[in-house]
Amino acid sequence: MFGNIGQVCTQSADLKERGTGGSLDNINLLMDNEVSLAFVQSDVLKAREQIDHDPRMANIKALLPLYDEEIHLFARPPVASKSFLGKTTVTGVQTFNTDSD
């Protein structure tokens, strides 16, 4: 991907490839002003914003979305239990629907 972008963006940027361990390293390099552009998965940006409460993430913009990312959903399985009044309740994920309205 880096090579293809470099072939297209020859007029606008002097691109130099830098090997890293992935999105976490890339976002750290970007935030420390060691690089100007970085390949970063969008979920890493969201995690830094929502979990780490890093206010610098508000200044990060997607320059070139590369493709729809695969995401992994983790959930507890459905478990039925009865309360002391005899009512059955189910916790966990029972169904999942990918249709959007």
N, C-alpha and C. Protein backbone atom coordinates (compact mmCIF):
# COMPACT_ATOMS: atom_id res chain seq x y z
N MET A 1 0.83 -1.19 0.00
CA MET A 1 0.00 0.00 0.00
C MET A 1 0.87 1.25 0.00
N PHE A 2 1.93 1.22 0.79
CA PHE A 2 2.79 2.39 0.87
C PHE A 2 3.38 2.72 -0.49
N GLY A 3 3.84 1.70 -1.20
CA GLY A 3 4.42 1.90 -2.53
C GLY A 3 3.43 2.49 -3.51
N ASN A 4 2.20 2.00 -3.49
CA ASN A 4 1.16 2.52 -4.39
C ASN A 4 0.84 3.98 -4.08
N ILE A 5 0.73 4.32 -2.82
CA ILE A 5 0.44 5.71 -2.45
C ILE A 5 1.60 6.60 -2.87
N GLY A 6 2.82 6.13 -2.68
CA GLY A 6 4.00 6.90 -3.07
C GLY A 6 4.05 7.17 -4.56
N GLN A 7 3.58 6.23 -5.38
CA GLN A 7 3.56 6.42 -6.83
C GLN A 7 2.54 7.47 -7.24
N VAL A 8 1.43 7.56 -6.53
CA VAL A 8 0.37 8.50 -6.88
C VAL A 8 0.63 9.88 -6.30
N CYS A 9 1.20 9.95 -5.12
CA CYS A 9 1.38 11.23 -4.41
C CYS A 9 2.79 11.80 -4.58
N THR A 10 3.38 11.66 -5.73
CA THR A 10 4.76 12.10 -5.91
C THR A 10 4.92 13.61 -5.81
N GLN A 11 3.92 14.38 -6.19
CA GLN A 11 4.02 15.84 -6.18
C GLN A 11 3.76 16.45 -4.81
N SER A 12 2.98 15.77 -3.99
CA SER A 12 2.49 16.41 -2.76
C SER A 12 3.25 16.03 -1.49
N ALA A 13 4.04 14.97 -1.51
CA ALA A 13 4.69 14.56 -0.27
C ALA A 13 5.97 13.80 -0.57
N ASP A 14 6.95 13.97 0.28
CA ASP A 14 8.18 13.20 0.22
C ASP A 14 8.01 12.05 1.21
N LEU A 15 7.59 10.91 0.71
CA LEU A 15 7.27 9.78 1.58
C LEU A 15 8.48 8.89 1.79
N LYS A 16 8.71 8.52 3.04
CA LYS A 16 9.78 7.59 3.39
C LYS A 16 9.17 6.51 4.29
N GLU A 17 9.36 5.28 3.89
CA GLU A 17 8.79 4.17 4.64
C GLU A 17 9.59 3.94 5.93
N ARG A 18 8.84 3.61 6.99
CA ARG A 18 9.45 3.34 8.29
C ARG A 18 8.79 2.10 8.87
N GLY A 19 9.56 1.11 9.19
CA GLY A 19 9.02 -0.12 9.74
C GLY A 19 8.61 0.06 11.20
N THR A 20 7.45 -0.49 11.56
CA THR A 20 6.96 -0.40 12.94
C THR A 20 6.30 -1.72 13.32
N GLY A 21 5.79 -1.76 14.53
CA GLY A 21 5.08 -2.94 15.01
C GLY A 21 3.59 -2.91 14.74
N GLY A 22 3.10 -1.86 14.07
CA GLY A 22 1.67 -1.80 13.75
C GLY A 22 1.02 -0.51 14.19
N SER A 23 -0.30 -0.53 14.27
CA SER A 23 -1.10 0.67 14.51
C SER A 23 -0.74 1.39 15.81
N LEU A 24 -0.48 0.65 16.88
CA LEU A 24 -0.14 1.30 18.15
C LEU A 24 1.16 2.09 18.03
N ASP A 25 2.17 1.48 17.43
CA ASP A 25 3.43 2.20 17.20
C ASP A 25 3.20 3.39 16.28
N ASN A 26 2.42 3.18 15.25
CA ASN A 26 2.19 4.24 14.26
C ASN A 26 1.49 5.45 14.87
N ILE A 27 0.48 5.23 15.69
CA ILE A 27 -0.22 6.36 16.30
C ILE A 27 0.70 7.09 17.29
N ASN A 28 1.54 6.34 17.99
CA ASN A 28 2.49 6.98 18.91
C ASN A 28 3.50 7.84 18.16
N LEU A 29 4.01 7.35 17.04
CA LEU A 29 4.94 8.13 16.23
C LEU A 29 4.27 9.39 15.69
N LEU A 30 3.02 9.26 15.28
CA LEU A 30 2.29 10.41 14.76
C LEU A 30 2.06 11.44 15.86
N MET A 31 1.66 10.99 17.03
CA MET A 31 1.37 11.91 18.13
C MET A 31 2.65 12.56 18.69
N ASP A 32 3.78 11.89 18.55
CA ASP A 32 5.05 12.45 19.01
C ASP A 32 5.76 13.26 17.92
N ASN A 33 5.05 13.54 16.82
CA ASN A 33 5.58 14.32 15.70
C ASN A 33 6.84 13.73 15.08
N GLU A 34 6.96 12.40 15.15
CA GLU A 34 8.10 11.74 14.51
C GLU A 34 7.79 11.37 13.06
N VAL A 35 6.51 11.34 12.71
CA VAL A 35 6.06 11.12 11.33
C VAL A 35 4.89 12.06 11.06
N SER A 36 4.63 12.31 9.79
CA SER A 36 3.51 13.18 9.41
C SER A 36 2.28 12.39 8.99
N LEU A 37 2.48 11.18 8.51
CA LEU A 37 1.39 10.31 8.07
C LEU A 37 1.62 8.93 8.66
N ALA A 38 0.52 8.22 8.92
CA ALA A 38 0.66 6.88 9.48
C ALA A 38 -0.53 6.02 9.07
N PHE A 39 -0.27 4.74 8.86
CA PHE A 39 -1.33 3.76 8.68
C PHE A 39 -1.81 3.37 10.07
N VAL A 40 -3.07 3.65 10.37
CA VAL A 40 -3.61 3.35 11.70
C VAL A 40 -5.04 2.83 11.54
N GLN A 41 -5.34 1.74 12.22
CA GLN A 41 -6.71 1.22 12.19
C GLN A 41 -7.61 2.17 12.97
N SER A 42 -8.82 2.37 12.45
CA SER A 42 -9.73 3.33 13.08
C SER A 42 -10.11 2.92 14.50
N ASP A 43 -10.13 1.63 14.80
CA ASP A 43 -10.48 1.22 16.16
C ASP A 43 -9.38 1.60 17.16
N VAL A 44 -8.14 1.72 16.71
CA VAL A 44 -7.05 2.17 17.58
C VAL A 44 -7.26 3.64 17.93
N LEU A 45 -7.67 4.43 16.94
CA LEU A 45 -7.96 5.84 17.22
C LEU A 45 -9.11 5.98 18.21
N LYS A 46 -10.17 5.20 18.00
CA LYS A 46 -11.32 5.26 18.90
C LYS A 46 -10.94 4.84 20.31
N ALA A 47 -10.12 3.81 20.43
CA ALA A 47 -9.70 3.35 21.76
C ALA A 47 -8.89 4.42 22.46
N ARG A 48 -7.99 5.08 21.73
CA ARG A 48 -7.19 6.15 22.35
C ARG A 48 -8.08 7.30 22.79
N GLU A 49 -9.14 7.55 22.03
CA GLU A 49 -10.04 8.65 22.37
C GLU A 49 -10.97 8.27 23.52
N GLN A 50 -11.61 7.11 23.43
CA GLN A 50 -12.66 6.75 24.37
C GLN A 50 -12.14 6.04 25.62
N ILE A 51 -11.14 5.22 25.50
CA ILE A 51 -10.63 4.47 26.65
C ILE A 51 -9.49 5.23 27.34
N ASP A 52 -8.54 5.71 26.55
CA ASP A 52 -7.39 6.43 27.11
C ASP A 52 -7.68 7.90 27.36
N HIS A 53 -8.81 8.39 26.84
CA HIS A 53 -9.20 9.79 26.98
C HIS A 53 -8.10 10.74 26.53
N ASP A 54 -7.50 10.41 25.38
CA ASP A 54 -6.42 11.23 24.82
C ASP A 54 -7.03 12.34 23.98
N PRO A 55 -6.99 13.60 24.45
CA PRO A 55 -7.63 14.69 23.72
C PRO A 55 -6.99 14.98 22.37
N ARG A 56 -5.78 14.52 22.15
CA ARG A 56 -5.11 14.76 20.86
C ARG A 56 -5.78 14.04 19.70
N MET A 57 -6.57 13.01 20.00
CA MET A 57 -7.24 12.25 18.94
C MET A 57 -8.26 13.10 18.20
N ALA A 58 -8.76 14.16 18.82
CA ALA A 58 -9.73 15.04 18.15
C ALA A 58 -9.11 15.75 16.96
N ASN A 59 -7.78 15.86 16.95
CA ASN A 59 -7.08 16.55 15.86
C ASN A 59 -6.63 15.62 14.74
N ILE A 60 -6.91 14.33 14.87
CA ILE A 60 -6.51 13.36 13.86
C ILE A 60 -7.64 13.17 12.86
N LYS A 61 -7.31 13.25 11.59
CA LYS A 61 -8.29 13.06 10.53
C LYS A 61 -7.82 11.98 9.57
N ALA A 62 -8.76 11.24 9.02
CA ALA A 62 -8.44 10.23 8.02
C ALA A 62 -8.10 10.93 6.71
N LEU A 63 -6.89 10.74 6.26
CA LEU A 63 -6.46 11.32 5.01
C LEU A 63 -6.93 10.47 3.83
N LEU A 64 -6.83 9.17 4.00
CA LEU A 64 -7.16 8.25 2.92
C LEU A 64 -7.67 6.94 3.50
N PRO A 65 -9.00 6.81 3.66
CA PRO A 65 -9.51 5.51 4.15
C PRO A 65 -9.17 4.44 3.12
N LEU A 66 -8.55 3.35 3.57
CA LEU A 66 -8.07 2.35 2.62
C LEU A 66 -9.12 1.31 2.27
N TYR A 67 -9.89 0.87 3.24
CA TYR A 67 -10.92 -0.13 2.99
C TYR A 67 -11.76 -0.27 4.25
N ASP A 68 -12.92 -0.90 4.10
CA ASP A 68 -13.73 -1.21 5.28
C ASP A 68 -12.97 -2.22 6.11
N GLU A 69 -12.81 -1.93 7.38
CA GLU A 69 -12.01 -2.79 8.24
C GLU A 69 -12.84 -3.92 8.81
N GLU A 70 -12.17 -5.02 9.01
CA GLU A 70 -12.78 -6.15 9.70
C GLU A 70 -12.73 -5.84 11.18
N ILE A 71 -13.84 -6.06 11.85
CA ILE A 71 -13.85 -5.87 13.30
C ILE A 71 -14.24 -7.18 13.97
N HIS A 72 -13.85 -7.33 15.19
CA HIS A 72 -14.16 -8.52 15.96
C HIS A 72 -15.05 -8.11 17.12
N LEU A 73 -16.16 -8.78 17.27
CA LEU A 73 -17.08 -8.50 18.36
C LEU A 73 -16.98 -9.63 19.38
N PHE A 74 -16.82 -9.26 20.62
CA PHE A 74 -16.78 -10.24 21.70
C PHE A 74 -17.98 -9.99 22.60
N ALA A 75 -18.65 -11.06 22.97
CA ALA A 75 -19.83 -10.91 23.83
C ALA A 75 -19.99 -12.16 24.67
N ARG A 76 -20.68 -11.96 25.78
CA ARG A 76 -20.99 -13.11 26.63
C ARG A 76 -22.10 -13.90 25.97
N PRO A 77 -22.09 -15.23 26.10
CA PRO A 77 -23.17 -16.03 25.55
C PRO A 77 -24.44 -15.86 26.38
N PRO A 78 -25.61 -16.14 25.80
CA PRO A 78 -26.84 -16.01 26.57
C PRO A 78 -26.88 -17.03 27.71
N VAL A 79 -27.27 -16.54 28.88
CA VAL A 79 -27.39 -17.40 30.07
C VAL A 79 -28.73 -17.09 30.73
N ALA A 80 -29.53 -18.12 30.92
CA ALA A 80 -30.83 -17.95 31.58
C ALA A 80 -30.68 -18.21 33.07
N SER A 81 -31.34 -17.38 33.83
CA SER A 81 -31.33 -17.60 35.29
C SER A 81 -32.69 -17.21 35.84
N LYS A 82 -33.05 -17.83 36.96
CA LYS A 82 -34.34 -17.54 37.59
C LYS A 82 -34.10 -16.69 38.83
N SER A 83 -34.95 -15.69 38.99
CA SER A 83 -34.86 -14.85 40.18
C SER A 83 -35.57 -15.55 41.33
N PHE A 84 -35.48 -14.98 42.51
CA PHE A 84 -36.14 -15.60 43.67
C PHE A 84 -37.66 -15.59 43.53
N LEU A 85 -38.20 -14.75 42.63
CA LEU A 85 -39.65 -14.75 42.38
C LEU A 85 -40.05 -15.73 41.28
N GLY A 86 -39.06 -16.45 40.72
CA GLY A 86 -39.36 -17.44 39.70
C GLY A 86 -39.34 -16.92 38.28
N LYS A 87 -39.07 -15.62 38.12
CA LYS A 87 -39.02 -15.04 36.78
C LYS A 87 -37.68 -15.38 36.12
N THR A 88 -37.74 -15.84 34.85
CA THR A 88 -36.52 -16.18 34.11
C THR A 88 -36.03 -14.95 33.36
N THR A 89 -34.77 -14.66 33.54
CA THR A 89 -34.14 -13.57 32.78
C THR A 89 -32.96 -14.14 32.02
N VAL A 90 -32.68 -13.53 30.89
CA VAL A 90 -31.55 -13.95 30.06
C VAL A 90 -30.59 -12.78 29.94
N THR A 91 -29.33 -13.05 30.22
CA THR A 91 -28.28 -12.04 30.03
C THR A 91 -27.35 -12.52 28.92
N GLY A 92 -26.59 -11.60 28.36
CA GLY A 92 -25.69 -11.93 27.26
C GLY A 92 -26.35 -11.66 25.92
N VAL A 93 -25.64 -11.93 24.86
CA VAL A 93 -26.12 -11.67 23.51
C VAL A 93 -26.90 -12.88 23.01
N GLN A 94 -28.16 -12.63 22.64
CA GLN A 94 -29.00 -13.70 22.14
C GLN A 94 -29.03 -13.73 20.63
N THR A 95 -29.10 -12.55 20.01
CA THR A 95 -29.13 -12.47 18.55
C THR A 95 -28.24 -11.31 18.10
N PHE A 96 -27.86 -11.38 16.84
CA PHE A 96 -27.07 -10.31 16.25
C PHE A 96 -27.55 -10.13 14.83
N ASN A 97 -27.82 -8.89 14.45
CA ASN A 97 -28.34 -8.60 13.12
C ASN A 97 -27.46 -7.54 12.48
N THR A 98 -26.99 -7.80 11.27
CA THR A 98 -26.13 -6.84 10.58
C THR A 98 -26.89 -5.92 9.65
N ASP A 99 -28.21 -6.10 9.56
CA ASP A 99 -29.02 -5.21 8.72
C ASP A 99 -29.07 -3.83 9.34
N SER A 100 -28.95 -2.80 8.50
CA SER A 100 -29.07 -1.43 9.02
C SER A 100 -30.35 -0.82 8.48
N ASP A 101 -30.96 0.00 9.29
CA ASP A 101 -32.23 0.64 8.88
C ASP A 101 -31.96 1.96 8.23
